[in-house]
Amino acid sequence: MSSSVTPGAEANTRRTLTDRQAETLARLVAASADELRAHSWSGLTVRNVARRAGVAPATAYTYFASREHLVTEVYRRRVFALGDPAVDTSLPPAQRVTEVLRPLSLLVADEPQLAAAVTVAMLSDDAEVAALRDEIGMRTAQLIRAAVGNDASPSQLLTLDAAFSGLLLTAGMGHLDYAELPERTAEVAAVVFGDTNDREDSR
């Protein structure tokens, strides 16, 4: 038996876009990842991304107020592009959470420059970043709720959400390998649902 998660409608950065504007925005987003691979966060500017995308800098700034805004939008799009995972309700809730969050855990595992940039960018107090950060957070919470269904209390949901956010931040700061995140998530979920003994016995 399985259920599915319906992602929220993908919001644009500032306004309703024409097809041409949406294409320009997509080019900027794609170019930003290339710029990060070439120059890392320290060398990233909206102007350089615009040049790589073939867009006038003034035009780029109508979409993105800062490089933090740009990088957060790159990450937000990737989060929503993961799509709608199936939830196997025959599994224990801790395992369901781990499996549903696995793709998000590994989203930037193979792109260290982007991972480092996302960590810095999403901590910005920029209003545009805050709005995107809220969307990402709501999506993560939605995935967790869908994974556990009625098998978790509000406090358990909050704990899982906070713990997973902390794991992502720890990995982004370089203190944990992204490849380890699914295992660490499983450990947290086991504690939250009180099945640590079963987990230890399975090792």
N, C-alpha and C. Protein backbone atom coordinates (compact mmCIF):
# COMPACT_ATOMS: atom_id res chain seq x y z
N MET A 1 0.85 -1.19 0.00
CA MET A 1 0.00 0.00 0.00
C MET A 1 0.88 1.23 0.00
N SER A 2 0.51 2.23 -0.77
CA SER A 2 1.32 3.44 -0.82
C SER A 2 0.44 4.66 -0.92
N SER A 3 0.99 5.79 -0.52
CA SER A 3 0.33 7.07 -0.68
C SER A 3 1.32 7.99 -1.34
N SER A 4 0.89 9.17 -1.72
CA SER A 4 1.80 10.07 -2.40
C SER A 4 1.75 11.45 -1.80
N VAL A 5 2.78 12.24 -2.10
CA VAL A 5 2.90 13.60 -1.61
C VAL A 5 2.62 14.54 -2.77
N THR A 6 1.75 15.48 -2.58
CA THR A 6 1.48 16.45 -3.63
C THR A 6 2.24 17.73 -3.35
N PRO A 7 3.28 18.03 -4.16
CA PRO A 7 4.06 19.23 -3.88
C PRO A 7 3.25 20.48 -4.15
N GLY A 8 3.57 21.53 -3.43
CA GLY A 8 2.91 22.79 -3.64
C GLY A 8 3.25 23.37 -5.00
N ALA A 9 2.41 24.22 -5.51
CA ALA A 9 2.68 24.83 -6.80
C ALA A 9 3.98 25.61 -6.72
N GLU A 10 4.83 25.44 -7.73
CA GLU A 10 6.12 26.11 -7.70
C GLU A 10 5.94 27.60 -7.94
N ALA A 11 6.34 28.38 -6.97
CA ALA A 11 6.20 29.83 -7.06
C ALA A 11 7.39 30.41 -7.79
N ASN A 12 7.18 31.48 -8.54
CA ASN A 12 8.31 32.16 -9.15
C ASN A 12 8.93 33.10 -8.12
N THR A 13 10.05 33.72 -8.49
CA THR A 13 10.78 34.48 -7.50
C THR A 13 10.04 35.73 -7.05
N ARG A 14 9.40 36.41 -7.97
CA ARG A 14 8.77 37.67 -7.56
C ARG A 14 7.35 37.85 -8.07
N ARG A 15 7.03 37.34 -9.25
CA ARG A 15 5.78 37.72 -9.88
C ARG A 15 5.40 36.67 -10.91
N THR A 16 4.21 36.84 -11.48
CA THR A 16 3.81 35.99 -12.59
C THR A 16 4.66 36.35 -13.80
N LEU A 17 5.21 35.33 -14.44
CA LEU A 17 6.15 35.57 -15.53
C LEU A 17 5.56 35.20 -16.88
N THR A 18 5.97 35.94 -17.91
CA THR A 18 5.67 35.53 -19.27
C THR A 18 6.59 34.37 -19.62
N ASP A 19 6.32 33.71 -20.74
CA ASP A 19 7.17 32.60 -21.17
C ASP A 19 8.61 33.07 -21.37
N ARG A 20 8.79 34.24 -21.94
CA ARG A 20 10.12 34.76 -22.18
C ARG A 20 10.84 35.05 -20.86
N GLN A 21 10.13 35.63 -19.92
CA GLN A 21 10.73 35.92 -18.61
C GLN A 21 11.09 34.64 -17.87
N ALA A 22 10.21 33.64 -17.97
CA ALA A 22 10.49 32.35 -17.33
C ALA A 22 11.73 31.71 -17.93
N GLU A 23 11.91 31.86 -19.24
CA GLU A 23 13.10 31.31 -19.90
C GLU A 23 14.36 32.04 -19.43
N THR A 24 14.27 33.35 -19.32
CA THR A 24 15.41 34.13 -18.83
C THR A 24 15.78 33.71 -17.42
N LEU A 25 14.78 33.55 -16.57
CA LEU A 25 15.01 33.12 -15.20
C LEU A 25 15.67 31.75 -15.16
N ALA A 26 15.20 30.83 -15.98
CA ALA A 26 15.77 29.49 -16.02
C ALA A 26 17.23 29.53 -16.48
N ARG A 27 17.54 30.40 -17.43
CA ARG A 27 18.93 30.52 -17.91
C ARG A 27 19.84 31.04 -16.79
N LEU A 28 19.36 31.98 -16.03
CA LEU A 28 20.14 32.51 -14.92
C LEU A 28 20.38 31.44 -13.85
N VAL A 29 19.36 30.67 -13.57
CA VAL A 29 19.50 29.61 -12.57
C VAL A 29 20.52 28.57 -13.04
N ALA A 30 20.42 28.17 -14.30
CA ALA A 30 21.36 27.18 -14.82
C ALA A 30 22.78 27.72 -14.84
N ALA A 31 22.93 28.99 -15.24
CA ALA A 31 24.27 29.60 -15.31
C ALA A 31 24.90 29.73 -13.94
N SER A 32 24.09 29.91 -12.91
CA SER A 32 24.64 30.07 -11.57
C SER A 32 25.35 28.81 -11.10
N ALA A 33 24.81 27.65 -11.42
CA ALA A 33 25.46 26.39 -11.05
C ALA A 33 26.80 26.26 -11.77
N ASP A 34 26.84 26.66 -13.04
CA ASP A 34 28.10 26.61 -13.79
C ASP A 34 29.12 27.57 -13.20
N GLU A 35 28.66 28.75 -12.80
CA GLU A 35 29.57 29.73 -12.19
C GLU A 35 30.14 29.21 -10.88
N LEU A 36 29.32 28.55 -10.11
CA LEU A 36 29.80 28.01 -8.83
C LEU A 36 30.84 26.93 -9.06
N ARG A 37 30.63 26.09 -10.04
CA ARG A 37 31.61 25.05 -10.33
C ARG A 37 32.93 25.66 -10.79
N ALA A 38 32.85 26.77 -11.50
CA ALA A 38 34.06 27.40 -12.04
C ALA A 38 34.77 28.29 -11.03
N HIS A 39 34.01 28.98 -10.18
CA HIS A 39 34.63 30.01 -9.34
C HIS A 39 34.29 29.91 -7.86
N SER A 40 33.45 28.99 -7.46
CA SER A 40 33.01 28.81 -6.08
C SER A 40 32.22 30.04 -5.58
N TRP A 41 31.77 29.94 -4.32
CA TRP A 41 30.96 31.02 -3.75
C TRP A 41 31.69 32.34 -3.72
N SER A 42 32.97 32.31 -3.41
CA SER A 42 33.72 33.56 -3.27
C SER A 42 33.77 34.36 -4.57
N GLY A 43 33.70 33.68 -5.69
CA GLY A 43 33.77 34.37 -6.97
C GLY A 43 32.43 34.57 -7.65
N LEU A 44 31.35 34.20 -6.97
CA LEU A 44 30.03 34.29 -7.59
C LEU A 44 29.46 35.69 -7.45
N THR A 45 29.00 36.25 -8.55
CA THR A 45 28.26 37.52 -8.53
C THR A 45 27.08 37.39 -9.50
N VAL A 46 26.05 38.16 -9.25
CA VAL A 46 24.90 38.17 -10.16
C VAL A 46 25.35 38.64 -11.53
N ARG A 47 26.27 39.58 -11.58
CA ARG A 47 26.77 40.11 -12.86
C ARG A 47 27.46 39.02 -13.67
N ASN A 48 28.30 38.22 -13.02
CA ASN A 48 28.99 37.14 -13.73
C ASN A 48 28.03 36.06 -14.21
N VAL A 49 27.04 35.77 -13.39
CA VAL A 49 26.03 34.80 -13.80
C VAL A 49 25.26 35.32 -15.01
N ALA A 50 24.93 36.60 -14.99
CA ALA A 50 24.22 37.21 -16.11
C ALA A 50 25.04 37.10 -17.39
N ARG A 51 26.33 37.37 -17.28
CA ARG A 51 27.21 37.28 -18.45
C ARG A 51 27.22 35.86 -19.01
N ARG A 52 27.33 34.88 -18.13
CA ARG A 52 27.35 33.49 -18.58
C ARG A 52 26.03 33.09 -19.22
N ALA A 53 24.94 33.64 -18.70
CA ALA A 53 23.61 33.31 -19.22
C ALA A 53 23.25 34.10 -20.47
N GLY A 54 24.08 35.09 -20.82
CA GLY A 54 23.77 35.93 -21.97
C GLY A 54 22.64 36.90 -21.69
N VAL A 55 22.59 37.37 -20.45
CA VAL A 55 21.53 38.29 -20.01
C VAL A 55 22.17 39.57 -19.53
N ALA A 56 21.56 40.70 -19.80
CA ALA A 56 22.08 41.97 -19.31
C ALA A 56 22.06 42.00 -17.79
N PRO A 57 23.12 42.50 -17.13
CA PRO A 57 23.13 42.56 -15.67
C PRO A 57 21.92 43.26 -15.08
N ALA A 58 21.50 44.35 -15.71
CA ALA A 58 20.33 45.07 -15.19
C ALA A 58 19.09 44.19 -15.20
N THR A 59 18.99 43.36 -16.24
CA THR A 59 17.85 42.43 -16.32
C THR A 59 17.94 41.39 -15.21
N ALA A 60 19.14 40.86 -15.00
CA ALA A 60 19.33 39.85 -13.95
C ALA A 60 18.93 40.38 -12.59
N TYR A 61 19.25 41.63 -12.33
CA TYR A 61 18.92 42.21 -11.03
C TYR A 61 17.43 42.48 -10.85
N THR A 62 16.66 42.45 -11.93
CA THR A 62 15.21 42.55 -11.77
C THR A 62 14.62 41.25 -11.24
N TYR A 63 15.37 40.16 -11.39
CA TYR A 63 14.93 38.86 -10.89
C TYR A 63 15.56 38.51 -9.54
N PHE A 64 16.81 38.88 -9.36
CA PHE A 64 17.55 38.48 -8.17
C PHE A 64 18.22 39.68 -7.52
N ALA A 65 17.86 39.91 -6.27
CA ALA A 65 18.38 41.07 -5.56
C ALA A 65 19.82 40.87 -5.10
N SER A 66 20.26 39.62 -5.01
CA SER A 66 21.59 39.34 -4.50
C SER A 66 22.02 37.95 -4.93
N ARG A 67 23.28 37.62 -4.74
CA ARG A 67 23.72 36.27 -5.06
C ARG A 67 23.11 35.25 -4.10
N GLU A 68 22.83 35.68 -2.86
CA GLU A 68 22.17 34.79 -1.92
C GLU A 68 20.77 34.41 -2.41
N HIS A 69 20.08 35.39 -2.92
CA HIS A 69 18.76 35.17 -3.48
C HIS A 69 18.84 34.19 -4.65
N LEU A 70 19.81 34.38 -5.51
CA LEU A 70 19.98 33.53 -6.69
C LEU A 70 20.26 32.09 -6.30
N VAL A 71 21.20 31.87 -5.41
CA VAL A 71 21.58 30.51 -5.03
C VAL A 71 20.44 29.81 -4.29
N THR A 72 19.71 30.54 -3.47
CA THR A 72 18.58 29.93 -2.77
C THR A 72 17.50 29.51 -3.75
N GLU A 73 17.31 30.29 -4.81
CA GLU A 73 16.35 29.90 -5.85
C GLU A 73 16.82 28.66 -6.58
N VAL A 74 18.12 28.54 -6.83
CA VAL A 74 18.66 27.33 -7.46
C VAL A 74 18.29 26.11 -6.62
N TYR A 75 18.52 26.22 -5.32
CA TYR A 75 18.25 25.09 -4.43
C TYR A 75 16.75 24.81 -4.33
N ARG A 76 15.96 25.87 -4.21
CA ARG A 76 14.50 25.69 -4.10
C ARG A 76 13.95 24.95 -5.30
N ARG A 77 14.42 25.30 -6.48
CA ARG A 77 13.94 24.62 -7.69
C ARG A 77 14.31 23.15 -7.68
N ARG A 78 15.50 22.86 -7.20
CA ARG A 78 15.92 21.45 -7.14
C ARG A 78 15.10 20.67 -6.13
N VAL A 79 14.77 21.31 -5.03
CA VAL A 79 13.94 20.64 -4.02
C VAL A 79 12.59 20.26 -4.62
N PHE A 80 11.93 21.21 -5.30
CA PHE A 80 10.63 20.93 -5.86
C PHE A 80 10.70 20.01 -7.07
N ALA A 81 11.84 20.02 -7.77
CA ALA A 81 12.00 19.15 -8.93
C ALA A 81 12.13 17.68 -8.54
N LEU A 82 12.37 17.41 -7.27
CA LEU A 82 12.45 16.01 -6.83
C LEU A 82 11.13 15.28 -7.05
N GLY A 83 10.07 16.04 -7.13
CA GLY A 83 8.78 15.45 -7.45
C GLY A 83 8.05 14.86 -6.26
N ASP A 84 7.20 13.94 -6.56
CA ASP A 84 6.21 13.43 -5.63
C ASP A 84 6.55 11.99 -5.24
N PRO A 85 7.26 11.77 -4.13
CA PRO A 85 7.67 10.41 -3.79
C PRO A 85 6.50 9.55 -3.30
N ALA A 86 6.58 8.28 -3.62
CA ALA A 86 5.59 7.35 -3.08
C ALA A 86 5.96 7.02 -1.64
N VAL A 87 4.96 6.83 -0.81
CA VAL A 87 5.17 6.49 0.59
C VAL A 87 4.64 5.08 0.82
N ASP A 88 5.51 4.17 1.16
CA ASP A 88 5.11 2.79 1.43
C ASP A 88 4.60 2.69 2.86
N THR A 89 3.31 2.70 3.02
CA THR A 89 2.71 2.73 4.35
C THR A 89 2.83 1.40 5.09
N SER A 90 3.37 0.37 4.42
CA SER A 90 3.59 -0.90 5.10
C SER A 90 4.86 -0.87 5.95
N LEU A 91 5.71 0.14 5.73
CA LEU A 91 6.95 0.25 6.48
C LEU A 91 6.70 0.95 7.82
N PRO A 92 7.57 0.72 8.80
CA PRO A 92 7.47 1.46 10.06
C PRO A 92 7.67 2.95 9.81
N PRO A 93 7.10 3.83 10.63
CA PRO A 93 7.20 5.27 10.37
C PRO A 93 8.63 5.79 10.29
N ALA A 94 9.53 5.28 11.13
CA ALA A 94 10.91 5.76 11.08
C ALA A 94 11.54 5.46 9.73
N GLN A 95 11.26 4.29 9.19
CA GLN A 95 11.82 3.93 7.89
C GLN A 95 11.18 4.73 6.77
N ARG A 96 9.88 5.02 6.92
CA ARG A 96 9.21 5.82 5.90
C ARG A 96 9.83 7.22 5.82
N VAL A 97 10.09 7.82 6.98
CA VAL A 97 10.71 9.15 7.00
C VAL A 97 12.07 9.12 6.32
N THR A 98 12.86 8.11 6.66
CA THR A 98 14.21 8.01 6.10
C THR A 98 14.16 7.91 4.58
N GLU A 99 13.27 7.07 4.06
CA GLU A 99 13.21 6.86 2.61
C GLU A 99 12.67 8.08 1.88
N VAL A 100 11.68 8.75 2.47
CA VAL A 100 11.11 9.93 1.82
C VAL A 100 12.12 11.08 1.79
N LEU A 101 12.92 11.21 2.84
CA LEU A 101 13.89 12.31 2.92
C LEU A 101 15.22 11.99 2.24
N ARG A 102 15.44 10.75 1.84
CA ARG A 102 16.72 10.37 1.23
C ARG A 102 17.08 11.23 0.01
N PRO A 103 16.18 11.41 -0.97
CA PRO A 103 16.55 12.24 -2.13
C PRO A 103 16.93 13.67 -1.74
N LEU A 104 16.23 14.23 -0.76
CA LEU A 104 16.55 15.58 -0.30
C LEU A 104 17.90 15.60 0.42
N SER A 105 18.19 14.54 1.17
CA SER A 105 19.47 14.44 1.88
C SER A 105 20.64 14.50 0.91
N LEU A 106 20.47 13.85 -0.25
CA LEU A 106 21.58 13.69 -1.19
C LEU A 106 21.51 14.68 -2.36
N LEU A 107 20.65 15.68 -2.24
CA LEU A 107 20.36 16.57 -3.36
C LEU A 107 21.61 17.27 -3.90
N VAL A 108 22.51 17.71 -3.02
CA VAL A 108 23.71 18.41 -3.47
C VAL A 108 24.98 17.65 -3.07
N ALA A 109 24.83 16.36 -2.80
CA ALA A 109 25.95 15.57 -2.31
C ALA A 109 27.13 15.54 -3.28
N ASP A 110 26.84 15.59 -4.56
CA ASP A 110 27.89 15.51 -5.57
C ASP A 110 28.33 16.87 -6.09
N GLU A 111 27.85 17.94 -5.46
CA GLU A 111 28.20 19.29 -5.90
C GLU A 111 28.66 20.11 -4.70
N PRO A 112 29.90 19.90 -4.26
CA PRO A 112 30.36 20.58 -3.04
C PRO A 112 30.34 22.09 -3.11
N GLN A 113 30.60 22.66 -4.28
CA GLN A 113 30.57 24.12 -4.40
C GLN A 113 29.16 24.65 -4.20
N LEU A 114 28.19 23.98 -4.79
CA LEU A 114 26.79 24.39 -4.61
C LEU A 114 26.36 24.17 -3.17
N ALA A 115 26.74 23.05 -2.59
CA ALA A 115 26.36 22.76 -1.21
C ALA A 115 26.86 23.84 -0.26
N ALA A 116 28.11 24.24 -0.43
CA ALA A 116 28.68 25.27 0.43
C ALA A 116 27.98 26.61 0.21
N ALA A 117 27.67 26.93 -1.04
CA ALA A 117 27.01 28.19 -1.35
C ALA A 117 25.60 28.23 -0.79
N VAL A 118 24.88 27.13 -0.89
CA VAL A 118 23.51 27.07 -0.38
C VAL A 118 23.49 27.32 1.12
N THR A 119 24.43 26.73 1.83
CA THR A 119 24.48 26.89 3.28
C THR A 119 24.63 28.35 3.67
N VAL A 120 25.54 29.05 3.00
CA VAL A 120 25.75 30.46 3.29
C VAL A 120 24.55 31.29 2.86
N ALA A 121 24.07 31.03 1.64
CA ALA A 121 23.00 31.85 1.07
C ALA A 121 21.72 31.77 1.89
N MET A 122 21.36 30.57 2.33
CA MET A 122 20.08 30.40 3.01
C MET A 122 20.06 30.97 4.42
N LEU A 123 21.23 31.30 4.95
CA LEU A 123 21.28 31.93 6.27
C LEU A 123 21.18 33.45 6.18
N SER A 124 21.08 33.97 4.97
CA SER A 124 20.98 35.41 4.77
C SER A 124 19.67 35.95 5.35
N ASP A 125 19.70 37.21 5.81
CA ASP A 125 18.48 37.84 6.30
C ASP A 125 17.76 38.62 5.20
N ASP A 126 18.20 38.44 3.96
CA ASP A 126 17.54 39.04 2.81
C ASP A 126 16.08 38.60 2.78
N ALA A 127 15.17 39.54 2.55
CA ALA A 127 13.74 39.23 2.56
C ALA A 127 13.36 38.23 1.48
N GLU A 128 13.99 38.35 0.31
CA GLU A 128 13.71 37.42 -0.78
C GLU A 128 14.17 36.02 -0.42
N VAL A 129 15.32 35.92 0.22
CA VAL A 129 15.83 34.62 0.66
C VAL A 129 14.90 34.02 1.71
N ALA A 130 14.45 34.84 2.64
CA ALA A 130 13.57 34.36 3.69
C ALA A 130 12.29 33.74 3.12
N ALA A 131 11.74 34.36 2.08
CA ALA A 131 10.52 33.84 1.46
C ALA A 131 10.78 32.47 0.83
N LEU A 132 11.90 32.35 0.13
CA LEU A 132 12.24 31.07 -0.49
C LEU A 132 12.57 30.03 0.56
N ARG A 133 13.27 30.44 1.60
CA ARG A 133 13.61 29.53 2.69
C ARG A 133 12.34 28.96 3.34
N ASP A 134 11.32 29.80 3.47
CA ASP A 134 10.06 29.35 4.03
C ASP A 134 9.41 28.29 3.13
N GLU A 135 9.49 28.49 1.82
CA GLU A 135 8.93 27.50 0.89
C GLU A 135 9.64 26.17 1.02
N ILE A 136 10.96 26.22 1.11
CA ILE A 136 11.75 24.99 1.25
C ILE A 136 11.42 24.30 2.56
N GLY A 137 11.33 25.08 3.62
CA GLY A 137 10.99 24.51 4.91
C GLY A 137 9.61 23.88 4.93
N MET A 138 8.64 24.54 4.31
CA MET A 138 7.30 23.99 4.26
C MET A 138 7.25 22.71 3.45
N ARG A 139 8.04 22.66 2.40
CA ARG A 139 8.10 21.44 1.58
C ARG A 139 8.69 20.27 2.39
N THR A 140 9.75 20.55 3.13
CA THR A 140 10.36 19.51 3.96
C THR A 140 9.37 19.01 5.00
N ALA A 141 8.68 19.93 5.66
CA ALA A 141 7.69 19.55 6.66
C ALA A 141 6.56 18.75 6.03
N GLN A 142 6.18 19.11 4.82
CA GLN A 142 5.13 18.39 4.11
C GLN A 142 5.56 16.95 3.83
N LEU A 143 6.80 16.77 3.42
CA LEU A 143 7.30 15.42 3.15
C LEU A 143 7.29 14.57 4.42
N ILE A 144 7.72 15.16 5.53
CA ILE A 144 7.74 14.42 6.78
C ILE A 144 6.33 14.03 7.21
N ARG A 145 5.39 14.96 7.12
CA ARG A 145 4.00 14.67 7.49
C ARG A 145 3.43 13.57 6.62
N ALA A 146 3.72 13.62 5.32
CA ALA A 146 3.20 12.60 4.41
C ALA A 146 3.81 11.24 4.72
N ALA A 147 5.07 11.23 5.13
CA ALA A 147 5.74 9.96 5.42
C ALA A 147 5.16 9.27 6.64
N VAL A 148 4.87 10.04 7.67
CA VAL A 148 4.43 9.43 8.93
C VAL A 148 2.92 9.32 9.06
N GLY A 149 2.18 10.07 8.25
CA GLY A 149 0.73 10.01 8.32
C GLY A 149 0.22 10.35 9.71
N ASN A 150 -0.60 9.46 10.26
CA ASN A 150 -1.16 9.68 11.60
C ASN A 150 -0.34 9.01 12.69
N ASP A 151 0.86 8.56 12.33
CA ASP A 151 1.69 7.83 13.28
C ASP A 151 2.65 8.71 14.08
N ALA A 152 2.46 10.01 14.04
CA ALA A 152 3.35 10.91 14.77
C ALA A 152 2.54 12.03 15.41
N SER A 153 2.98 12.42 16.59
CA SER A 153 2.37 13.55 17.29
C SER A 153 2.96 14.85 16.75
N PRO A 154 2.32 15.99 17.05
CA PRO A 154 2.90 17.27 16.62
C PRO A 154 4.32 17.47 17.12
N SER A 155 4.61 17.04 18.34
CA SER A 155 5.97 17.21 18.87
C SER A 155 6.96 16.33 18.13
N GLN A 156 6.55 15.14 17.73
CA GLN A 156 7.43 14.27 16.95
C GLN A 156 7.70 14.87 15.58
N LEU A 157 6.67 15.42 14.97
CA LEU A 157 6.85 16.08 13.67
C LEU A 157 7.83 17.23 13.78
N LEU A 158 7.66 18.05 14.81
CA LEU A 158 8.54 19.20 15.00
C LEU A 158 9.98 18.74 15.24
N THR A 159 10.14 17.68 16.02
CA THR A 159 11.48 17.17 16.30
C THR A 159 12.16 16.65 15.03
N LEU A 160 11.42 15.90 14.24
CA LEU A 160 11.97 15.38 12.99
C LEU A 160 12.37 16.50 12.05
N ASP A 161 11.52 17.50 11.93
CA ASP A 161 11.79 18.64 11.05
C ASP A 161 13.03 19.38 11.51
N ALA A 162 13.10 19.69 12.82
CA ALA A 162 14.24 20.43 13.35
C ALA A 162 15.53 19.63 13.24
N ALA A 163 15.44 18.33 13.52
CA ALA A 163 16.64 17.49 13.45
C ALA A 163 17.16 17.37 12.03
N PHE A 164 16.25 17.21 11.07
CA PHE A 164 16.70 17.08 9.68
C PHE A 164 17.31 18.39 9.18
N SER A 165 16.72 19.52 9.55
CA SER A 165 17.29 20.81 9.18
C SER A 165 18.69 20.95 9.78
N GLY A 166 18.84 20.51 11.02
CA GLY A 166 20.15 20.57 11.66
C GLY A 166 21.18 19.69 10.98
N LEU A 167 20.75 18.52 10.53
CA LEU A 167 21.67 17.63 9.81
C LEU A 167 22.12 18.26 8.50
N LEU A 168 21.19 18.87 7.78
CA LEU A 168 21.55 19.54 6.53
C LEU A 168 22.55 20.66 6.78
N LEU A 169 22.31 21.44 7.82
CA LEU A 169 23.22 22.53 8.15
C LEU A 169 24.59 21.99 8.54
N THR A 170 24.62 20.93 9.32
CA THR A 170 25.89 20.34 9.73
C THR A 170 26.68 19.86 8.52
N ALA A 171 25.99 19.23 7.58
CA ALA A 171 26.66 18.78 6.36
C ALA A 171 27.14 19.98 5.54
N GLY A 172 26.31 21.01 5.45
CA GLY A 172 26.68 22.19 4.69
C GLY A 172 27.89 22.90 5.26
N MET A 173 28.09 22.79 6.56
CA MET A 173 29.24 23.40 7.22
C MET A 173 30.49 22.53 7.11
N GLY A 174 30.33 21.34 6.53
CA GLY A 174 31.48 20.47 6.32
C GLY A 174 31.79 19.55 7.48
N HIS A 175 30.90 19.48 8.47
CA HIS A 175 31.14 18.64 9.64
C HIS A 175 30.55 17.24 9.50
N LEU A 176 29.87 17.00 8.39
CA LEU A 176 29.26 15.70 8.13
C LEU A 176 29.18 15.52 6.62
N ASP A 177 29.50 14.34 6.15
CA ASP A 177 29.42 14.05 4.72
C ASP A 177 27.95 13.90 4.32
N TYR A 178 27.56 14.50 3.21
CA TYR A 178 26.17 14.37 2.76
C TYR A 178 25.77 12.91 2.57
N ALA A 179 26.72 12.08 2.17
CA ALA A 179 26.41 10.67 1.97
C ALA A 179 25.97 9.99 3.26
N GLU A 180 26.33 10.58 4.40
CA GLU A 180 25.95 10.01 5.69
C GLU A 180 24.56 10.45 6.15
N LEU A 181 23.97 11.41 5.49
CA LEU A 181 22.72 11.97 5.97
C LEU A 181 21.58 10.96 6.07
N PRO A 182 21.40 10.07 5.09
CA PRO A 182 20.31 9.09 5.26
C PRO A 182 20.47 8.24 6.52
N GLU A 183 21.69 7.80 6.81
CA GLU A 183 21.93 7.00 8.00
C GLU A 183 21.66 7.82 9.27
N ARG A 184 22.14 9.06 9.29
CA ARG A 184 21.90 9.91 10.46
C ARG A 184 20.40 10.20 10.63
N THR A 185 19.71 10.40 9.51
CA THR A 185 18.26 10.62 9.56
C THR A 185 17.55 9.40 10.13
N ALA A 186 17.99 8.23 9.72
CA ALA A 186 17.41 6.99 10.23
C ALA A 186 17.61 6.87 11.74
N GLU A 187 18.78 7.26 12.21
CA GLU A 187 19.06 7.19 13.65
C GLU A 187 18.15 8.14 14.43
N VAL A 188 17.99 9.35 13.91
CA VAL A 188 17.11 10.32 14.58
C VAL A 188 15.67 9.81 14.60
N ALA A 189 15.21 9.32 13.45
CA ALA A 189 13.83 8.84 13.36
C ALA A 189 13.60 7.66 14.31
N ALA A 190 14.60 6.81 14.45
CA ALA A 190 14.48 5.67 15.36
C ALA A 190 14.32 6.14 16.80
N VAL A 191 15.07 7.18 17.18
CA VAL A 191 14.95 7.73 18.52
C VAL A 191 13.57 8.35 18.73
N VAL A 192 13.12 9.11 17.75
CA VAL A 192 11.83 9.80 17.86
C VAL A 192 10.68 8.80 18.04
N PHE A 193 10.77 7.67 17.31
CA PHE A 193 9.69 6.69 17.37
C PHE A 193 9.97 5.55 18.34
N GLY A 194 11.07 5.66 19.08
CA GLY A 194 11.33 4.71 20.14
C GLY A 194 11.67 3.31 19.71
N ASP A 195 12.24 3.16 18.50
CA ASP A 195 12.59 1.81 18.06
C ASP A 195 14.10 1.65 17.90
N THR A 196 14.85 2.27 18.80
CA THR A 196 16.31 2.19 18.73
C THR A 196 16.81 0.78 19.01
N ASN A 197 16.12 0.02 19.84
CA ASN A 197 16.57 -1.34 20.12
C ASN A 197 16.48 -2.21 18.88
N ASP A 198 15.37 -2.08 18.15
CA ASP A 198 15.23 -2.85 16.92
C ASP A 198 16.32 -2.47 15.94
N ARG A 199 16.66 -1.17 15.90
CA ARG A 199 17.68 -0.71 14.96
C ARG A 199 19.03 -1.27 15.33
N GLU A 200 19.36 -1.28 16.63
CA GLU A 200 20.63 -1.82 17.06
C GLU A 200 20.73 -3.31 16.77
N ASP A 201 19.61 -4.03 16.96
CA ASP A 201 19.61 -5.46 16.73
C ASP A 201 19.83 -5.82 15.27
N SER A 202 19.45 -4.89 14.37
CA SER A 202 19.56 -5.17 12.94
C SER A 202 20.96 -4.97 12.41
N ARG A 203 21.86 -4.38 13.22
CA ARG A 203 23.22 -4.09 12.77
C ARG A 203 24.09 -5.34 12.85
